[in-house]
C-alpha cells in the first residue's frame, strides 16, 4: 500500500497506459479519479477498481477545456477531500498521411499542428495550473507528466508530436523549480514504444513491429504496466527527493 491515504487524478485514464496507472495506483491504496472523454471505457475502469475493493470515480474530461479541468479538480476534492497526485497522461499522436506514414514538416497544416499542441502541451498546462492550489492546500503533491522519448530525441517524422512532448519536458522542469518550496514535485515520464491503442497502427504492421523489437536492446515492445510502475514510484513518497527529472522507460531504445 505505497499510496495509502493519497488521492490521484489521472487524465486519459480510460484505456491504455492511463487505465493501467489507475488500476495500479488504486491497488496501492490511492483513491483514484479517472478523467477521460471515453465514458464507457472510463466507467468500466471505475467499476473494476470499486469491485476490487478500491475507490474510484470517473469524470468526463476534455483536457483542452479549462472549464473541464476546473470541474475535475473540484469533483476530486468534493468526493475525496483533497488531491495529492496528478498524472497528466492524456495525449494524441502526430498527424498521419492517408497511407499511415508521417507527414513531413512542410506538409503539416496549422490545424494539425494546433490539435497536437492543444492536447499534449496545453492540456498539461491546464491540468497543472488547476491542480496546484489543491495540492498547496494538501501541503504538497506530485505532478507526473507523461511525455515521450520523442520529447528527448528527433525522428524522420511526427514533428508536431516531438514539439509537444519536448514542451512537456521543459514545462515540467519550470513547474518543479517554481513550486519546490511548497512541497509540490513535478517529473516527466518518457515512454518508448508501448503496446497501447495509440501505437496499434504501427504495431499491426509485422515488418515495422519486427524492426522496433530489433532496435530495442531489451528485445520487446513495452506494455502499459512498465510505465505504470514508474508512475507509481513518482507518485509515492519513495521519490520525495526527485523533482524536475525525466524518467525514461524505453527498453534502452534511446541509450544507443
Protein backbone atom coordinates (compact mmCIF):
# COMPACT_ATOMS: atom_id res chain seq x y z
CA UNK A 1 0.00 0.00 0.00
CA UNK A 2 2.59 2.51 -1.16
CA UNK A 3 -0.05 5.22 -1.75
CA UNK A 4 -2.30 4.69 1.24
CA UNK A 5 -4.16 7.90 2.08
CA UNK A 6 -3.35 9.62 -1.22
CA UNK A 7 -5.79 10.90 -3.84
CA UNK A 8 -4.80 10.78 -7.53
CA UNK A 9 -6.35 12.27 -10.66
CA UNK A 10 -5.36 10.68 -13.97
CA UNK A 11 -6.26 12.25 -17.31
CA UNK A 12 -6.75 9.84 -20.19
CA UNK A 13 -7.38 7.12 -17.63
CA UNK A 14 -9.96 5.12 -19.56
CA UNK A 15 -7.61 2.87 -21.54
CA UNK A 16 -4.01 2.10 -22.37
CA UNK A 17 -1.36 3.45 -20.03
CA UNK A 18 -3.86 5.61 -18.15
CA UNK A 19 -6.07 2.66 -17.24
CA UNK A 20 -3.03 0.64 -16.13
CA UNK A 21 -1.92 3.56 -13.97
CA UNK A 22 -5.37 3.92 -12.43
CA UNK A 23 -5.61 0.23 -11.54
CA UNK A 24 -2.10 0.08 -10.08
CA UNK A 25 -2.37 3.28 -8.04
CA UNK A 26 -5.71 2.09 -6.64
CA UNK A 27 -4.23 -1.30 -5.81
CA UNK A 28 -1.50 0.50 -3.86
CA UNK A 29 -4.05 2.37 -1.76
CA UNK A 30 -4.81 5.58 -3.63
CA UNK A 31 -8.30 6.93 -4.21
CA UNK A 32 -8.37 7.43 -7.97
CA UNK A 33 -10.24 9.82 -10.23
CA UNK A 34 -10.32 8.79 -13.90
CA UNK A 35 -10.75 11.70 -16.32
CA UNK A 36 -11.45 10.96 -19.97
CA UNK A 37 -13.77 11.56 -22.90
CA UNK A 38 -14.28 7.80 -23.32
CA UNK A 39 -17.20 7.41 -20.94
CA UNK A 40 -17.96 3.71 -21.44
CA UNK A 41 -14.34 2.61 -21.04
CA UNK A 42 -13.76 5.01 -18.16
CA UNK A 43 -16.76 3.80 -16.21
CA UNK A 44 -15.60 0.23 -16.77
CA UNK A 45 -12.24 1.01 -15.16
CA UNK A 46 -14.06 2.77 -12.33
CA UNK A 47 -16.25 -0.29 -11.77
CA UNK A 48 -13.29 -2.69 -11.84
CA UNK A 49 -11.46 -0.70 -9.18
CA UNK A 50 -14.50 -0.35 -6.93
CA UNK A 51 -15.40 -4.02 -7.27
CA UNK A 52 -11.84 -4.96 -6.28
CA UNK A 53 -12.21 -3.00 -3.04
CA UNK A 54 -10.63 0.26 -4.14
CA UNK A 55 -12.20 3.70 -4.50
CA UNK A 56 -12.56 5.29 -7.92
CA UNK A 57 -14.58 7.97 -9.65
CA UNK A 58 -14.98 8.59 -13.38
CA UNK A 59 -15.47 12.13 -14.65
CA UNK A 60 -15.76 13.43 -18.19
CA UNK A 61 -12.66 15.45 -19.03
CA UNK A 62 -11.58 17.18 -22.22
CA UNK A 63 -8.06 18.27 -21.34
CA UNK A 64 -8.16 21.14 -23.84
CA UNK A 65 -11.05 22.82 -21.97
CA UNK A 66 -10.20 24.87 -18.90
CA UNK A 67 -13.72 24.55 -17.50
CA UNK A 68 -13.43 20.77 -17.63
CA UNK A 69 -10.25 20.92 -15.58
CA UNK A 70 -11.85 23.21 -13.00
CA UNK A 71 -14.73 20.77 -12.69
CA UNK A 72 -12.39 17.77 -12.46
CA UNK A 73 -10.37 19.25 -9.58
CA UNK A 74 -13.50 20.42 -7.78
CA UNK A 75 -15.14 16.99 -8.17
CA UNK A 76 -12.00 15.28 -6.88
CA UNK A 77 -11.80 17.44 -3.76
CA UNK A 78 -15.54 17.25 -3.17
CA UNK A 79 -15.54 13.44 -3.35
CA UNK A 80 -12.24 12.60 -1.64
CA UNK A 81 -11.40 15.77 0.30
CA UNK A 82 -8.03 16.61 -1.26
CA UNK A 83 -5.59 16.00 -4.13
CA UNK A 84 -2.04 14.66 -3.81
CA UNK A 85 -1.18 13.27 -7.25
CA UNK A 86 -1.89 14.48 -10.79
CA UNK A 87 -0.96 12.29 -13.75
CA UNK A 88 -1.19 14.28 -16.97
CA UNK A 89 -1.48 11.16 -19.10
CA UNK A 90 -3.92 12.16 -21.87
CA UNK A 91 -2.34 12.58 -25.28
CA UNK A 92 -2.65 12.16 -29.03
CA UNK A 93 -0.20 11.01 -31.66
CA UNK A 94 1.02 13.11 -34.52
CA UNK A 95 -0.99 13.65 -37.67
CA UNK A 96 -0.66 10.92 -40.29
CA UNK A 97 -0.74 10.86 -44.06
CA UNK A 98 -3.50 8.83 -45.79
CA UNK A 99 -1.13 5.85 -46.12
CA UNK A 100 -0.44 5.92 -42.38
CA UNK A 101 3.02 7.38 -42.71
CA UNK A 102 4.27 10.58 -41.07
CA UNK A 103 3.52 13.96 -42.61
CA UNK A 104 6.68 15.95 -43.41
CA UNK A 105 7.14 19.29 -41.70
CA UNK A 106 6.34 21.33 -44.79
CA UNK A 107 3.17 19.31 -45.30
CA UNK A 108 1.66 19.95 -41.86
CA UNK A 109 -1.35 22.24 -41.65
CA UNK A 110 -1.79 24.74 -38.85
CA UNK A 111 -4.89 22.84 -37.76
CA UNK A 112 -2.95 19.57 -37.46
CA UNK A 113 -0.19 21.30 -35.53
CA UNK A 114 -2.61 23.06 -33.17
CA UNK A 115 -4.56 19.89 -32.38
CA UNK A 116 -1.45 18.08 -31.15
CA UNK A 117 -0.23 21.05 -29.12
CA UNK A 118 -3.69 21.64 -27.60
CA UNK A 119 -3.96 18.12 -26.20
CA UNK A 120 -0.34 17.20 -25.46
CA UNK A 121 1.01 20.53 -24.25
CA UNK A 122 -1.81 22.92 -23.34
CA UNK A 123 -3.70 20.08 -21.64
CA UNK A 124 -0.71 19.52 -19.33
CA UNK A 125 -0.51 23.24 -18.55
CA UNK A 126 -4.22 23.45 -17.69
CA UNK A 127 -4.17 20.36 -15.50
CA UNK A 128 -1.12 21.58 -13.62
CA UNK A 129 -2.47 25.12 -13.24
CA UNK A 130 -5.67 23.95 -11.58
CA UNK A 131 -4.11 21.16 -9.51
CA UNK A 132 -1.55 23.37 -7.79
CA UNK A 133 -3.99 25.26 -5.48
CA UNK A 134 -5.48 21.95 -4.30
CA UNK A 135 -2.01 20.49 -3.73
CA UNK A 136 -0.98 23.64 -1.90
CA UNK A 137 -3.89 23.14 0.49
CA UNK A 138 -2.88 19.49 0.89
CA UNK A 139 0.62 20.54 1.93
CA UNK A 140 2.30 19.27 -1.23
CA UNK A 141 1.89 16.81 -4.05
CA UNK A 142 3.36 15.06 -7.07
CA UNK A 143 2.68 16.07 -10.67
CA UNK A 144 3.61 13.41 -13.21
CA UNK A 145 3.59 14.43 -16.85
CA UNK A 146 3.62 11.67 -19.45
CA UNK A 147 5.90 12.83 -22.25
CA UNK A 148 7.74 10.51 -24.66
CA UNK A 149 11.20 9.57 -25.85
CA UNK A 150 10.18 11.80 -28.75
CA UNK A 151 10.40 14.69 -26.28
CA UNK A 152 14.11 13.87 -25.94
CA UNK A 153 15.23 12.96 -29.46
CA UNK A 154 14.13 13.63 -33.02
CA UNK A 155 12.99 11.33 -35.82
CA UNK A 156 12.16 11.46 -39.50
CA UNK A 157 8.53 12.44 -38.87
CA UNK A 158 5.96 13.38 -36.20
CA UNK A 159 7.22 16.96 -35.97
CA UNK A 160 4.22 18.30 -34.04
CA UNK A 161 4.35 15.38 -31.63
CA UNK A 162 8.07 15.94 -30.95
CA UNK A 163 7.46 19.63 -30.29
CA UNK A 164 4.56 18.95 -27.93
CA UNK A 165 6.43 16.38 -25.86
CA UNK A 166 9.57 18.50 -25.75
CA UNK A 167 7.40 21.31 -24.40
CA UNK A 168 6.09 18.98 -21.69
CA UNK A 169 9.65 18.14 -20.64
CA UNK A 170 10.70 21.77 -20.06
CA UNK A 171 7.32 22.82 -18.67
CA UNK A 172 7.81 20.10 -16.06
CA UNK A 173 11.21 21.48 -15.07
CA UNK A 174 9.83 25.01 -14.76
CA UNK A 175 6.96 23.75 -12.61
CA UNK A 176 9.38 21.82 -10.41
CA UNK A 177 11.60 24.82 -9.74
CA UNK A 178 8.74 27.23 -9.14
CA UNK A 179 6.84 25.05 -6.68
CA UNK A 180 9.53 23.03 -4.90
CA UNK A 181 9.36 25.19 -1.77
CA UNK A 182 5.67 24.32 -1.46
CA UNK A 183 6.39 20.61 -1.44
CA UNK A 184 4.94 20.19 -4.92
CA UNK A 185 7.12 17.98 -7.11
CA UNK A 186 6.94 17.63 -10.89
CA UNK A 187 8.61 14.99 -13.04
CA UNK A 188 8.17 13.78 -16.60
CA UNK A 189 7.96 10.19 -17.81
CA UNK A 190 9.29 9.34 -21.26
CA UNK A 191 7.96 6.02 -22.55
CA UNK A 192 9.31 4.37 -25.65
CA UNK A 193 7.11 2.23 -27.87
CA UNK A 194 4.33 0.81 -25.69
CA UNK A 195 1.57 -1.64 -26.60
CA UNK A 196 -1.40 0.76 -26.45
CA UNK A 197 -4.23 1.83 -28.78
CA UNK A 198 -2.15 4.86 -29.83
CA UNK A 199 0.56 2.63 -31.32
CA UNK A 200 -1.78 0.00 -32.75
CA UNK A 201 -1.33 1.02 -36.38
CA UNK A 202 2.44 0.93 -36.04
CA UNK A 203 2.46 -2.42 -34.25
CA UNK A 204 -0.04 -4.05 -36.62
CA UNK A 205 2.49 -3.92 -39.46
CA UNK A 206 4.62 -7.09 -38.88
CA UNK A 207 7.65 -5.61 -40.61
CA UNK A 208 7.59 -2.37 -38.62
CA UNK A 209 6.94 -4.23 -35.37
CA UNK A 210 9.88 -6.56 -36.00
CA UNK A 211 12.07 -3.54 -36.72
CA UNK A 212 11.04 -1.88 -33.44
CA UNK A 213 11.79 -5.01 -31.46
CA UNK A 214 15.16 -5.39 -33.21
CA UNK A 215 16.10 -1.79 -32.39
CA UNK A 216 15.14 -2.12 -28.71
CA UNK A 217 18.02 -3.57 -26.63
CA UNK A 218 15.66 -5.42 -24.27
CA UNK A 219 14.12 -7.12 -27.30
CA UNK A 220 10.43 -6.33 -26.87
CA UNK A 221 7.81 -3.61 -27.10
CA UNK A 222 6.75 -2.22 -23.72
CA UNK A 223 3.41 -2.86 -22.02
CA UNK A 224 1.34 -0.32 -20.04
CA UNK A 225 2.39 -1.83 -16.71
CA UNK A 226 6.01 -0.92 -17.48
CA UNK A 227 5.04 2.75 -17.41
CA UNK A 228 2.51 2.42 -14.60
CA UNK A 229 5.18 1.20 -12.16
CA UNK A 230 7.28 4.26 -12.97
CA UNK A 231 4.27 6.47 -12.29
CA UNK A 232 3.69 4.64 -9.00
CA UNK A 233 7.26 5.40 -7.90
CA UNK A 234 6.90 9.10 -8.73
CA UNK A 235 3.50 9.29 -7.01
CA UNK A 236 4.85 7.72 -3.83
CA UNK A 237 6.98 9.24 -1.08
CA UNK A 238 9.81 6.95 -2.23
CA UNK A 239 10.64 9.64 -4.82
CA UNK A 240 10.44 12.53 -2.32
CA UNK A 241 13.88 13.89 -3.33
CA UNK A 242 13.12 13.75 -7.04
CA UNK A 243 11.74 16.73 -8.95
CA UNK A 244 12.35 18.28 -12.35
CA UNK A 245 13.67 14.97 -13.67
CA UNK A 246 12.96 12.67 -16.61
CA UNK A 247 12.17 9.01 -16.10
CA UNK A 248 12.89 7.18 -19.37
CA UNK A 249 11.10 3.84 -19.82
CA UNK A 250 12.02 2.64 -23.29
CA UNK A 251 13.79 -0.72 -23.13
CA UNK A 252 17.08 1.00 -23.90
CA UNK A 253 15.88 2.46 -27.21
CA UNK A 254 17.45 5.91 -26.66
CA UNK A 255 20.61 4.58 -24.99
CA UNK A 256 22.16 3.86 -28.39
